[in-house]
Amino acid sequence: MIWVISIIITIALIGALIISIYTLKKEEQKAKASTVEDELKRSHEYETKSLTSNIRNLLWIYAIVIILSFVVLAIYIFLL
């Protein structure tokens, strides 16, 4: 039973890591600008929108991982 729980937690953490990397790659693609004006525009956009979008995405990721961890812990305690 401990192996099943370990596998579920590992899969959840890997999923969180993949989604985090995807979010970072998306931000890097936005960062590819060719002119100074584009860089300035991107910088202002990043300052206004990045925090809200990244925090929202990361909150969903870690909320799901924490909830799954509690579910797995409850299953483990119940079957113990």
Protein backbone atom coordinates (compact mmCIF):
# COMPACT_ATOMS: atom_id res chain seq x y z
CA MET A 1 0.00 0.00 0.00
CA ILE A 2 2.86 2.37 0.75
CA TRP A 3 4.11 1.89 -2.82
CA VAL A 4 0.80 2.99 -4.26
CA ILE A 5 0.79 6.10 -2.09
CA SER A 6 4.39 6.87 -3.04
CA ILE A 7 3.61 6.49 -6.72
CA ILE A 8 0.56 8.78 -6.49
CA ILE A 9 2.52 11.48 -4.66
CA THR A 10 5.39 11.18 -7.12
CA ILE A 11 3.04 11.52 -10.09
CA ALA A 12 1.39 14.58 -8.51
CA LEU A 13 4.75 16.25 -7.87
CA ILE A 14 5.97 15.48 -11.39
CA GLY A 15 2.74 16.95 -12.76
CA ALA A 16 3.26 20.12 -10.71
CA LEU A 17 6.82 20.36 -11.99
CA ILE A 18 5.74 19.93 -15.61
CA ILE A 19 3.07 22.59 -15.32
CA SER A 20 5.55 24.96 -13.63
CA ILE A 21 8.08 24.43 -16.41
CA TYR A 22 5.37 24.98 -19.03
CA THR A 23 4.43 28.28 -17.39
CA LEU A 24 8.07 29.40 -17.35
CA LYS A 25 8.55 28.43 -21.01
CA LYS A 26 5.47 30.46 -21.92
CA GLU A 27 6.95 33.49 -20.17
CA GLU A 28 10.28 32.98 -21.94
CA GLN A 29 8.55 32.97 -25.32
CA LYS A 30 6.96 36.30 -24.47
CA ALA A 31 10.42 37.65 -23.61
CA LYS A 32 11.78 37.22 -27.14
CA ALA A 33 11.56 40.75 -28.48
CA SER A 34 13.72 42.31 -31.18
CA THR A 35 13.60 46.06 -30.54
CA VAL A 36 14.06 48.33 -27.57
CA GLU A 37 10.43 49.46 -27.84
CA ASP A 38 9.29 45.85 -27.75
CA GLU A 39 11.46 45.22 -24.71
CA LEU A 40 10.01 48.23 -22.90
CA LYS A 41 6.46 47.23 -23.80
CA ARG A 42 7.10 43.67 -22.65
CA SER A 43 8.65 44.90 -19.43
CA HIS A 44 5.63 47.04 -18.58
CA GLU A 45 3.28 44.20 -19.48
CA TYR A 46 5.28 41.78 -17.36
CA GLU A 47 5.19 44.13 -14.37
CA THR A 48 1.41 44.49 -14.57
CA LYS A 49 0.30 40.98 -15.52
CA SER A 50 2.98 38.49 -14.53
CA LEU A 51 2.36 38.41 -10.82
CA THR A 52 -1.36 37.75 -11.11
CA SER A 53 -1.09 35.09 -13.81
CA ASN A 54 1.86 33.24 -12.27
CA ILE A 55 0.43 33.28 -8.77
CA ARG A 56 -2.94 32.07 -10.03
CA ASN A 57 -1.33 29.19 -11.93
CA LEU A 58 0.98 28.21 -9.10
CA LEU A 59 -1.85 28.37 -6.54
CA TRP A 60 -3.86 25.90 -8.62
CA ILE A 61 -0.88 23.61 -9.04
CA TYR A 62 0.06 23.49 -5.38
CA ALA A 63 -3.54 23.37 -4.15
CA ILE A 64 -4.14 20.26 -6.24
CA VAL A 65 -0.92 18.65 -5.01
CA ILE A 66 -1.72 19.43 -1.37
CA ILE A 67 -5.29 18.13 -1.68
CA LEU A 68 -4.06 14.93 -3.33
CA SER A 69 -1.46 14.52 -0.60
CA PHE A 70 -4.14 14.83 2.10
CA VAL A 71 -6.36 12.33 0.28
CA VAL A 72 -3.50 9.86 0.02
CA LEU A 73 -2.62 10.40 3.68
CA ALA A 74 -6.26 9.82 4.69
CA ILE A 75 -6.36 6.62 2.65
CA TYR A 76 -3.13 5.49 4.26
CA ILE A 77 -4.37 6.23 7.78
CA PHE A 78 -7.75 4.60 7.08
CA LEU A 79 -6.12 1.40 5.78
CA LEU A 80 -3.50 1.29 8.53
